[in-house]
PDB file of N, CA and C in Angstrom:
ATOM      1  N   ARG A   1       0.645  -1.076   0.154  1.00  0.00           N
ATOM      2  CA  ARG A   1       0.527  -0.188   0.055  1.00  0.00           C
ATOM      3  C   ARG A   1       1.208   1.663   0.110  1.00  0.00           C
ATOM      4  N   SER A   2       1.381   1.648   0.722  1.00  0.00           N
ATOM      5  CA  SER A   2       2.665   2.788   0.949  1.00  0.00           C
ATOM      6  C   SER A   2       3.442   2.593  -0.488  1.00  0.00           C
ATOM      7  N   PHE A   3       3.905   1.568  -0.637  1.00  0.00           N
ATOM      8  CA  PHE A   3       4.206   1.918  -2.865  1.00  0.00           C
ATOM      9  C   PHE A   3       3.841   2.100  -3.379  1.00  0.00           C
ATOM     10  N   ALA A   4       2.914   2.275  -4.085  1.00  0.00           N
ATOM     11  CA  ALA A   4       1.246   2.542  -4.522  1.00  0.00           C
ATOM     12  C   ALA A   4       1.153   4.054  -3.886  1.00  0.00           C
ATOM     13  N   VAL A   5       0.462   3.984  -2.694  1.00  0.00           N
ATOM     14  CA  VAL A   5       0.444   5.830  -2.689  1.00  0.00           C
ATOM     15  C   VAL A   5       1.932   6.101  -2.740  1.00  0.00           C
ATOM     16  N   THR A   6       3.212   6.007  -2.606  1.00  0.00           N
ATOM     17  CA  THR A   6       4.047   6.762  -3.026  1.00  0.00           C
ATOM     18  C   THR A   6       4.577   7.037  -4.825  1.00  0.00           C
ATOM     19  N   ALA A   7       3.988   5.662  -5.447  1.00  0.00           N
ATOM     20  CA  ALA A   7       3.763   5.237  -6.509  1.00  0.00           C
ATOM     21  C   ALA A   7       2.774   6.362  -7.625  1.00  0.00           C
ATOM     22  N   GLY A   8       1.783   6.558  -6.597  1.00  0.00           N
ATOM     23  CA  GLY A   8       0.973   7.427  -7.341  1.00  0.00           C
ATOM     24  C   GLY A   8       1.307   9.077  -7.446  1.00  0.00           C
ATOM     25  N   VAL A   9       1.872   9.341  -6.112  1.00  0.00           N
ATOM     26  CA  VAL A   9       1.831  10.883  -6.049  1.00  0.00           C
ATOM     27  C   VAL A   9       3.212  11.101  -7.191  1.00  0.00           C
ATOM     28  N   MET A  10       4.157   9.798  -7.473  1.00  0.00           N
ATOM     29  CA  MET A  10       5.132  10.618  -8.097  1.00  0.00           C
ATOM     30  C   MET A  10       4.724  10.346  -9.591  1.00  0.00           C
ATOM     31  N   THR A  11       3.789   9.281  -9.682  1.00  0.00           N
ATOM     32  CA  THR A  11       3.154   9.618 -11.068  1.00  0.00           C
ATOM     33  C   THR A  11       2.185  10.662 -11.752  1.00  0.00           C
ATOM     34  N   LEU A  12       1.882  11.563 -10.502  1.00  0.00           N
ATOM     35  CA  LEU A  12       0.851  12.846 -10.904  1.00  0.00           C
ATOM     36  C   LEU A  12       1.727  13.962 -11.547  1.00  0.00           C
ATOM     37  N   ARG A  13       2.777  14.015  -9.686  1.00  0.00           N
ATOM     38  CA  ARG A  13       4.108  14.636 -10.747  1.00  0.00           C
ATOM     39  C   ARG A  13       4.688  15.069 -11.704  1.00  0.00           C
ATOM     40  N   ASN A  14       4.597  13.298 -12.643  1.00  0.00           N
ATOM     41  CA  ASN A  14       5.475  13.024 -14.154  1.00  0.00           C
ATOM     42  C   ASN A  14       4.441  13.508 -14.872  1.00  0.00           C
ATOM     43  N   TRP A  15       2.900  13.347 -14.764  1.00  0.00           N
ATOM     44  CA  TRP A  15       2.072  13.869 -16.127  1.00  0.00           C
ATOM     45  C   TRP A  15       1.284  15.009 -15.520  1.00  0.00           C
ATOM     46  N   GLY A  16       1.980  15.987 -14.059  1.00  0.00           N
ATOM     47  CA  GLY A  16       1.755  17.511 -14.474  1.00  0.00           C
ATOM     48  C   GLY A  16       2.849  18.101 -15.381  1.00  0.00           C
ATOM     49  N   LYS A  17       3.883  17.312 -15.220  1.00  0.00           N
ATOM     50  CA  LYS A  17       5.018  17.964 -15.780  1.00  0.00           C
ATOM     51  C   LYS A  17       4.756  17.953 -17.279  1.00  0.00           C
ATOM     52  N   VAL A  18       4.688  16.936 -17.676  1.00  0.00           N
ATOM     53  CA  VAL A  18       4.390  16.249 -19.019  1.00  0.00           C
ATOM     54  C   VAL A  18       2.928  16.904 -19.624  1.00  0.00           C
ATOM     55  N   PHE A  19       2.050  17.313 -19.108  1.00  0.00           N
ATOM     56  CA  PHE A  19       1.494  18.590 -19.668  1.00  0.00           C
ATOM     57  C   PHE A  19       1.666  19.760 -19.074  1.00  0.00           C
ATOM     58  N   CYS A  20       2.536  20.944 -18.100  1.00  0.00           N
ATOM     59  CA  CYS A  20       2.622  21.747 -18.553  1.00  0.00           C
ATOM     60  C   CYS A  20       3.706  22.304 -19.806  1.00  0.00           C
ATOM     61  N   PHE A  21       4.911  20.937 -20.083  1.00  0.00           N
ATOM     62  CA  PHE A  21       5.600  21.227 -21.527  1.00  0.00           C
ATOM     63  C   PHE A  21       4.403  21.145 -22.420  1.00  0.00           C
ATOM     64  N   ALA A  22       3.668  20.157 -22.227  1.00  0.00           N
ATOM     65  CA  ALA A  22       3.155  20.241 -24.127  1.00  0.00           C
ATOM     66  C   ALA A  22       2.294  21.412 -24.228  1.00  0.00           C
ATOM     67  N   TYR A  23       1.778  21.913 -22.927  1.00  0.00           N
ATOM     68  CA  TYR A  23       0.828  23.135 -22.750  1.00  0.00           C
ATOM     69  C   TYR A  23       1.529  24.116 -23.443  1.00  0.00           C
ATOM     70  N   LEU A  24       2.774  24.190 -22.787  1.00  0.00           N
ATOM     71  CA  LEU A  24       4.074  25.426 -23.421  1.00  0.00           C
ATOM     72  C   LEU A  24       4.100  25.423 -23.940  1.00  0.00           C
ATOM     73  N   ALA A  25       4.497  24.319 -25.270  1.00  0.00           N
ATOM     74  CA  ALA A  25       5.215  24.416 -26.533  1.00  0.00           C
ATOM     75  C   ALA A  25       3.834  24.669 -27.626  1.00  0.00           C
ATOM     76  N   ARG A  26       2.468  23.842 -27.412  1.00  0.00           N
ATOM     77  CA  ARG A  26       1.507  24.701 -27.919  1.00  0.00           C
ATOM     78  C   ARG A  26       1.418  26.234 -28.003  1.00  0.00           C
ATOM     79  N   GLN A  27       1.759  27.026 -27.033  1.00  0.00           N
ATOM     80  CA  GLN A  27       1.292  28.129 -26.976  1.00  0.00           C
ATOM     81  C   GLN A  27       2.372  28.920 -27.286  1.00  0.00           C
ATOM     82  N   ALA A  28       3.291  28.548 -27.453  1.00  0.00           N
ATOM     83  CA  ALA A  28       4.373  28.997 -28.148  1.00  0.00           C
ATOM     84  C   ALA A  28       4.149  28.415 -30.008  1.00  0.00           C
ATOM     85  N   ALA A  29       4.406  27.543 -29.983  1.00  0.00           N
ATOM     86  CA  ALA A  29       4.092  27.107 -31.544  1.00  0.00           C
ATOM     87  C   ALA A  29       3.015  28.097 -31.924  1.00  0.00           C
ATOM     88  N   LEU A  30       1.990  28.390 -31.460  1.00  0.00           N
ATOM     89  CA  LEU A  30       1.096  29.934 -31.418  1.00  0.00           C
ATOM     90  C   LEU A  30       1.426  31.043 -31.827  1.00  0.00           C
ATOM     91  N   GLN A  31       2.845  31.241 -31.791  1.00  0.00           N
ATOM     92  CA  GLN A  31       3.439  32.765 -31.028  1.00  0.00           C
ATOM     93  C   GLN A  31       4.292  32.945 -32.594  1.00  0.00           C
ATOM     94  N   GLY A  32       4.414  31.542 -33.793  1.00  0.00           N
ATOM     95  CA  GLY A  32       5.077  32.040 -34.964  1.00  0.00           C
ATOM     96  C   GLY A  32       6.569  30.869 -34.814  1.00  0.00           C
ATOM     97  N   PRO A  33       7.290  30.633 -35.683  1.00  0.00           N
ATOM     98  CA  PRO A  33       8.589  29.765 -35.464  1.00  0.00           C
ATOM     99  C   PRO A  33       9.790  30.516 -34.324  1.00  0.00           C
ATOM    100  N   THR A  34       9.787  32.124 -34.790  1.00  0.00           N
ATOM    101  CA  THR A  34      11.343  32.169 -33.563  1.00  0.00           C
ATOM    102  C   THR A  34      10.509  31.889 -32.336  1.00  0.00           C
ATOM    103  N   VAL A  35       9.651  32.384 -31.828  1.00  0.00           N
ATOM    104  CA  VAL A  35       8.769  31.935 -30.655  1.00  0.00           C
ATOM    105  C   VAL A  35       9.281  30.259 -30.772  1.00  0.00           C
ATOM    106  N   ALA A  36       9.303  29.729 -31.218  1.00  0.00           N
ATOM    107  CA  ALA A  36       8.633  28.176 -31.253  1.00  0.00           C
ATOM    108  C   ALA A  36      10.337  27.600 -31.239  1.00  0.00           C
ATOM    109  N   ALA A  37      11.105  27.712 -31.770  1.00  0.00           N
ATOM    110  CA  ALA A  37      12.868  27.599 -31.729  1.00  0.00           C
ATOM    111  C   ALA A  37      13.008  28.507 -30.782  1.00  0.00           C
ATOM    112  N   SER A  38      12.825  29.246 -29.545  1.00  0.00           N
ATOM    113  CA  SER A  38      13.701  30.040 -28.467  1.00  0.00           C
ATOM    114  C   SER A  38      12.978  28.728 -27.292  1.00  0.00           C
ATOM    115  N   TYR A  39      11.736  28.408 -27.810  1.00  0.00           N
ATOM    116  CA  TYR A  39      11.224  27.899 -26.812  1.00  0.00           C
ATOM    117  C   TYR A  39      11.831  25.921 -26.984  1.00  0.00           C
ATOM    118  N   SER A  40      12.270  25.697 -27.957  1.00  0.00           N
ATOM    119  CA  SER A  40      12.781  24.491 -28.465  1.00  0.00           C
ATOM    120  C   SER A  40      14.306  24.781 -27.267  1.00  0.00           C
ATOM    121  N   LEU A  41      15.069  25.716 -27.670  1.00  0.00           N
ATOM    122  CA  LEU A  41      16.130  25.505 -27.134  1.00  0.00           C
ATOM    123  C   LEU A  41      16.103  26.323 -25.392  1.00  0.00           C
ATOM    124  N   VAL A  42      15.422  26.596 -25.129  1.00  0.00           N
ATOM    125  CA  VAL A  42      14.911  26.221 -23.869  1.00  0.00           C
ATOM    126  C   VAL A  42      14.717  25.016 -23.285  1.00  0.00           C
ATOM    127  N   PHE A  43      13.906  24.671 -23.389  1.00  0.00           N
ATOM    128  CA  PHE A  43      13.041  23.216 -23.019  1.00  0.00           C
ATOM    129  C   PHE A  43      14.523  22.240 -23.089  1.00  0.00           C
ATOM    130  N   GLN A  44      15.217  22.385 -23.713  1.00  0.00           N
ATOM    131  CA  GLN A  44      16.383  21.250 -23.949  1.00  0.00           C
ATOM    132  C   GLN A  44      17.794  21.601 -22.851  1.00  0.00           C
ATOM    133  N   LEU A  45      17.602  22.658 -22.973  1.00  0.00           N
ATOM    134  CA  LEU A  45      18.546  23.152 -21.461  1.00  0.00           C
ATOM    135  C   LEU A  45      17.874  22.914 -20.777  1.00  0.00           C
ATOM    136  N   GLY A  46      16.855  23.200 -20.015  1.00  0.00           N
ATOM    137  CA  GLY A  46      15.652  22.845 -18.719  1.00  0.00           C
ATOM    138  C   GLY A  46      15.939  21.071 -18.773  1.00  0.00           C
ATOM    139  N   PHE A  47      15.711  20.352 -19.901  1.00  0.00           N
ATOM    140  CA  PHE A  47      15.928  19.430 -19.415  1.00  0.00           C
ATOM    141  C   PHE A  47      17.036  19.064 -19.216  1.00  0.00           C
ATOM    142  N   ALA A  48      17.843  19.338 -20.099  1.00  0.00           N
ATOM    143  CA  ALA A  48      19.345  18.431 -19.258  1.00  0.00           C
ATOM    144  C   ALA A  48      19.451  18.868 -18.249  1.00  0.00           C
ATOM    145  N   THR A  49      19.345  19.931 -17.979  1.00  0.00           N
ATOM    146  CA  THR A  49      19.611  20.739 -16.177  1.00  0.00           C
ATOM    147  C   THR A  49      18.946  19.871 -15.049  1.00  0.00           C
ATOM    148  N   SER A  50      17.758  19.709 -15.509  1.00  0.00           N
ATOM    149  CA  SER A  50      16.336  18.932 -14.650  1.00  0.00           C
ATOM    150  C   SER A  50      17.316  17.430 -14.422  1.00  0.00           C
ATOM    151  N   GLN A  51      18.184  16.754 -15.353  1.00  0.00           N
ATOM    152  CA  GLN A  51      18.374  15.401 -14.949  1.00  0.00           C
ATOM    153  C   GLN A  51      19.538  15.594 -14.690  1.00  0.00           C
ATOM    154  N   VAL A  52      20.213  16.341 -14.569  1.00  0.00           N
ATOM    155  CA  VAL A  52      22.112  16.414 -13.799  1.00  0.00           C
ATOM    156  C   VAL A  52      21.064  17.194 -12.140  1.00  0.00           C
ATOM    157  N   ALA A  53      20.258  17.766 -12.132  1.00  0.00           N
ATOM    158  CA  ALA A  53      19.439  17.269 -10.526  1.00  0.00           C
ATOM    159  C   ALA A  53      18.706  16.771 -10.231  1.00  0.00           C
ATOM    160  N   GLU A  54      18.016  15.722 -10.805  1.00  0.00           N
ATOM    161  CA  GLU A  54      17.430  14.611 -11.144  1.00  0.00           C
ATOM    162  C   GLU A  54      18.851  12.883 -10.213  1.00  0.00           C
ATOM    163  N   SER A  55      19.661  13.295 -10.940  1.00  0.00           N
ATOM    164  CA  SER A  55      20.914  12.361 -10.848  1.00  0.00           C
ATOM    165  C   SER A  55      21.715  12.793  -9.491  1.00  0.00           C
ATOM    166  N   LEU A  56      21.677  13.972  -9.360  1.00  0.00           N
ATOM    167  CA  LEU A  56      22.072  14.225  -7.880  1.00  0.00           C
ATOM    168  C   LEU A  56      21.840  13.910  -6.656  1.00  0.00           C
ATOM    169  N   ALA A  57      20.287  14.042  -7.170  1.00  0.00           N
ATOM    170  CA  ALA A  57      19.504  13.846  -5.372  1.00  0.00           C
ATOM    171  C   ALA A  57      19.890  12.358  -5.278  1.00  0.00           C
ATOM    172  N   THR A  58      19.662  11.813  -6.477  1.00  0.00           N
ATOM    173  CA  THR A  58      19.155  10.080  -6.040  1.00  0.00           C
ATOM    174  C   THR A  58      21.396   9.456  -5.857  1.00  0.00           C
ATOM    175  N   SER A  59      22.161  10.087  -5.944  1.00  0.00           N
ATOM    176  CA  SER A  59      22.711   9.997  -5.991  1.00  0.00           C
ATOM    177  C   SER A  59      23.108  10.139  -3.648  1.00  0.00           C
ATOM    178  N   THR A  60      22.801  11.770  -3.686  1.00  0.00           N
ATOM    179  CA  THR A  60      22.386  12.283  -2.866  1.00  0.00           C
ATOM    180  C   THR A  60      21.659  11.076  -1.564  1.00  0.00           C
ATOM    181  N   GLN A  61      20.613  10.444  -1.779  1.00  0.00           N
ATOM    182  CA  GLN A  61      20.028   9.592  -1.269  1.00  0.00           C
ATOM    183  C   GLN A  61      20.645   8.256  -0.901  1.00  0.00           C
ATOM    184  N   VAL A  62      20.937   7.972  -1.985  1.00  0.00           N
ATOM    185  CA  VAL A  62      21.918   7.125  -1.838  1.00  0.00           C
ATOM    186  C   VAL A  62      23.534   7.325  -0.436  1.00  0.00           C
ATOM    187  N   LEU A  63      23.929   7.377  -1.138  1.00  0.00           N
ATOM    188  CA  LEU A  63      24.794   8.318   0.149  1.00  0.00           C
ATOM    189  C   LEU A  63      24.308   7.714   1.584  1.00  0.00           C
ATOM    190  N   LEU A  64      23.108   9.430   1.627  1.00  0.00           N
ATOM    191  CA  LEU A  64      22.372   9.611   3.081  1.00  0.00           C
ATOM    192  C   LEU A  64      22.580   8.367   3.860  1.00  0.00           C
ATOM    193  N   ALA A  65      21.650   7.174   2.664  1.00  0.00           N
ATOM    194  CA  ALA A  65      21.157   5.933   3.436  1.00  0.00           C
ATOM    195  C   ALA A  65      22.619   5.054   4.264  1.00  0.00           C
ATOM    196  N   GLN A  66      23.207   5.296   2.992  1.00  0.00           N
ATOM    197  CA  GLN A  66      24.603   4.522   3.734  1.00  0.00           C
ATOM    198  C   GLN A  66      25.521   5.074   5.086  1.00  0.00           C
ATOM    199  N   ALA A  67      25.429   6.062   4.964  1.00  0.00           N
ATOM    200  CA  ALA A  67      25.503   6.890   6.424  1.00  0.00           C
ATOM    201  C   ALA A  67      24.999   5.985   7.507  1.00  0.00           C
ATOM    202  N   LEU A  68      23.906   6.401   7.247  1.00  0.00           N
ATOM    203  CA  LEU A  68      22.988   5.497   7.984  1.00  0.00           C
ATOM    204  C   LEU A  68      22.755   4.771   8.596  1.00  0.00           C
ATOM    205  N   ARG A  69      23.153   4.158   7.415  1.00  0.00           N
ATOM    206  CA  ARG A  69      23.503   2.549   7.963  1.00  0.00           C
ATOM    207  C   ARG A  69      23.843   2.026   9.009  1.00  0.00           C
ATOM    208  N   ALA A  70      25.015   2.830   8.454  1.00  0.00           N
ATOM    209  CA  ALA A  70      27.274   3.151   9.003  1.00  0.00           C
ATOM    210  C   ALA A  70      27.065   3.052  10.591  1.00  0.00           C
ATOM    211  N   ILE A  71      25.785   4.508  10.140  1.00  0.00           N
ATOM    212  CA  ILE A  71      25.910   5.195  11.826  1.00  0.00           C
ATOM    213  C   ILE A  71      24.985   4.234  12.561  1.00  0.00           C
ATOM    214  N   ASN A  72      23.643   3.603  12.369  1.00  0.00           N
ATOM    215  CA  ASN A  72      22.883   2.386  13.146  1.00  0.00           C
ATOM    216  C   ASN A  72      24.426   1.489  13.365  1.00  0.00           C
ATOM    217  N   TRP A  73      24.739   0.865  12.567  1.00  0.00           N
ATOM    218  CA  TRP A  73      25.814  -0.550  12.747  1.00  0.00           C
ATOM    219  C   TRP A  73      26.455   0.041  13.627  1.00  0.00           C
ATOM    220  N   ARG A  74      27.000   0.979  14.016  1.00  0.00           N
ATOM    221  CA  ARG A  74      28.499   1.282  15.049  1.00  0.00           C
ATOM    222  C   ARG A  74      27.340   1.132  16.442  1.00  0.00           C
ATOM    223  N   ALA A  75      26.318   2.110  16.240  1.00  0.00           N
ATOM    224  CA  ALA A  75      25.628   1.864  17.466  1.00  0.00           C
ATOM    225  C   ALA A  75      25.336   0.573  17.955  1.00  0.00           C
ATOM    226  N   ALA A  76      25.006  -0.119  17.503  1.00  0.00           N
ATOM    227  CA  ALA A  76      24.121  -1.227  17.664  1.00  0.00           C
ATOM    228  C   ALA A  76      25.078  -2.254  17.719  1.00  0.00           C
ATOM    229  N   SER A  77      26.651  -2.512  17.395  1.00  0.00           N
ATOM    230  CA  SER A  77      27.478  -3.007  17.788  1.00  0.00           C
ATOM    231  C   SER A  77      28.641  -2.312  18.702  1.00  0.00           C
ATOM    232  N   GLY A  78      27.641  -0.952  19.568  1.00  0.00           N
ATOM    233  CA  GLY A  78      28.499  -1.080  21.382  1.00  0.00           C
ATOM    234  C   GLY A  78      29.536   0.165  20.905  1.00  0.00           C
ATOM    235  N   ASP A  79      30.012   0.924  20.058  1.00  0.00           N
ATOM    236  CA  ASP A  79      31.143   1.377  19.668  1.00  0.00           C
ATOM    237  C   ASP A  79      31.360   2.411  20.342  1.00  0.00           C
ATOM    238  N   GLU A  80      31.386   2.327  21.406  1.00  0.00           N
ATOM    239  CA  GLU A  80      31.163   3.898  22.628  1.00  0.00           C
ATOM    240  C   GLU A  80      32.644   5.003  21.507  1.00  0.00           C
ATOM    241  N   ALA A  81      33.358   5.018  21.094  1.00  0.00           N
ATOM    242  CA  ALA A  81      34.342   5.906  20.502  1.00  0.00           C
ATOM    243  C   ALA A  81      33.502   6.157  19.196  1.00  0.00           C
ATOM    244  N   ALA A  82      32.702   6.064  18.875  1.00  0.00           N
ATOM    245  CA  ALA A  82      32.083   5.722  17.542  1.00  0.00           C
ATOM    246  C   ALA A  82      31.460   7.724  18.646  1.00  0.00           C
ATOM    247  N   GLY A  83      30.904   7.802  19.572  1.00  0.00           N
ATOM    248  CA  GLY A  83      30.152   9.082  19.518  1.00  0.00           C
ATOM    249  C   GLY A  83      29.224   9.602  18.765  1.00  0.00           C
ATOM    250  N   VAL A  84      28.135   8.859  18.190  1.00  0.00           N
ATOM    251  CA  VAL A  84      27.134   9.165  17.622  1.00  0.00           C
ATOM    252  C   VAL A  84      25.757   8.494  18.104  1.00  0.00           C
ATOM    253  N   ASP A  85      24.802   9.261  18.668  1.00  0.00           N
ATOM    254  CA  ASP A  85      23.542   8.211  18.526  1.00  0.00           C
ATOM    255  C   ASP A  85      23.178   7.747  17.370  1.00  0.00           C
ATOM    256  N   VAL A  86      22.326   7.163  18.379  1.00  0.00           N
ATOM    257  CA  VAL A  86      20.773   5.852  17.391  1.00  0.00           C
ATOM    258  C   VAL A  86      20.094   6.984  16.961  1.00  0.00           C
ATOM    259  N   PHE A  87      20.031   7.089  14.999  1.00  0.00           N
ATOM    260  CA  PHE A  87      19.367   7.585  14.416  1.00  0.00           C
ATOM    261  C   PHE A  87      18.401   5.991  13.663  1.00  0.00           C
ATOM    262  N   GLU A  88      17.211   6.106  14.172  1.00  0.00           N
ATOM    263  CA  GLU A  88      16.387   5.428  13.542  1.00  0.00           C
ATOM    264  C   GLU A  88      15.496   5.777  12.180  1.00  0.00           C
ATOM    265  N   PRO A  89      15.601   5.655  11.047  1.00  0.00           N
ATOM    266  CA  PRO A  89      14.833   5.989  10.107  1.00  0.00           C
ATOM    267  C   PRO A  89      12.922   6.261   9.973  1.00  0.00           C
ATOM    268  N   LEU A  90      12.763   6.044   9.123  1.00  0.00           N
ATOM    269  CA  LEU A  90      11.463   6.103   9.769  1.00  0.00           C
ATOM    270  C   LEU A  90      11.004   4.579   8.863  1.00  0.00           C
ATOM    271  N   THR A  91      10.170   3.990   9.406  1.00  0.00           N
ATOM    272  CA  THR A  91       9.652   2.718   8.612  1.00  0.00           C
ATOM    273  C   THR A  91       8.511   3.326   7.452  1.00  0.00           C
ATOM    274  N   PRO A  92       8.764   2.123   6.546  1.00  0.00           N
ATOM    275  CA  PRO A  92       7.939   2.235   5.022  1.00  0.00           C
ATOM    276  C   PRO A  92       6.129   3.041   5.151  1.00  0.00           C
ATOM    277  N   ARG A  93       4.959   2.135   6.150  1.00  0.00           N
ATOM    278  CA  ARG A  93       4.763   2.634   6.370  1.00  0.00           C
ATOM    279  C   ARG A  93       4.159   4.343   7.164  1.00  0.00           C
ATOM    280  N   GLU A  94       5.677   4.695   8.346  1.00  0.00           N
ATOM    281  CA  GLU A  94       5.257   6.142   8.567  1.00  0.00           C
ATOM    282  C   GLU A  94       5.445   7.466   7.331  1.00  0.00           C
ATOM    283  N   ALA A  95       7.101   6.600   6.605  1.00  0.00           N
ATOM    284  CA  ALA A  95       7.220   7.559   5.524  1.00  0.00           C
ATOM    285  C   ALA A  95       5.786   8.150   4.441  1.00  0.00           C
ATOM    286  N   ALA A  96       4.927   7.318   4.430  1.00  0.00           N
ATOM    287  CA  ALA A  96       3.981   7.238   3.452  1.00  0.00           C
ATOM    288  C   ALA A  96       2.608   7.821   3.845  1.00  0.00           C
ATOM    289  N   GLY A  97       2.686   8.350   5.357  1.00  0.00           N
ATOM    290  CA  GLY A  97       1.619   9.161   5.831  1.00  0.00           C
ATOM    291  C   GLY A  97       2.325  10.140   6.524  1.00  0.00           C
ATOM    292  N   ARG A  98       3.609  10.538   5.299  1.00  0.00           N
ATOM    293  CA  ARG A  98       4.209  11.992   5.623  1.00  0.00           C
ATOM    294  C   ARG A  98       3.974  12.278   4.269  1.00  0.00           C
ATOM    295  N   ILE A  99       3.062  11.948   3.192  1.00  0.00           N
ATOM    296  CA  ILE A  99       3.955  12.487   1.343  1.00  0.00           C
ATOM    297  C   ILE A  99       2.335  12.898   1.713  1.00  0.00           C
ATOM    298  N   VAL A 100       3.074  14.407   1.480  1.00  0.00           N
ATOM    299  CA  VAL A 100       2.161  15.269   1.273  1.00  0.00           C
ATOM    300  C   VAL A 100       0.905  15.308   0.066  1.00  0.00           C
TER     301      VAL A 100
END
């Protein structure tokens, strides 16, 4: 259930983006060839930068998960020299309940 809720939100967000891009492309095409060409260039630049930002966000999430796992492992092993508090991430059910 939590996966379906999360996937539903992400799917809705992605379809919203597609609708906005399609609407803006249509409006640019109605303005003439110069505006349509300008929109095409700006769209390609925006798409490329959004892909870079998405890959950075995904990489950051992976690194954060690995760091939290290391903190939990050190705390569970009783390593007092680590000097870290135990941080427990949310369960999938709790995380799904906090989705906006």
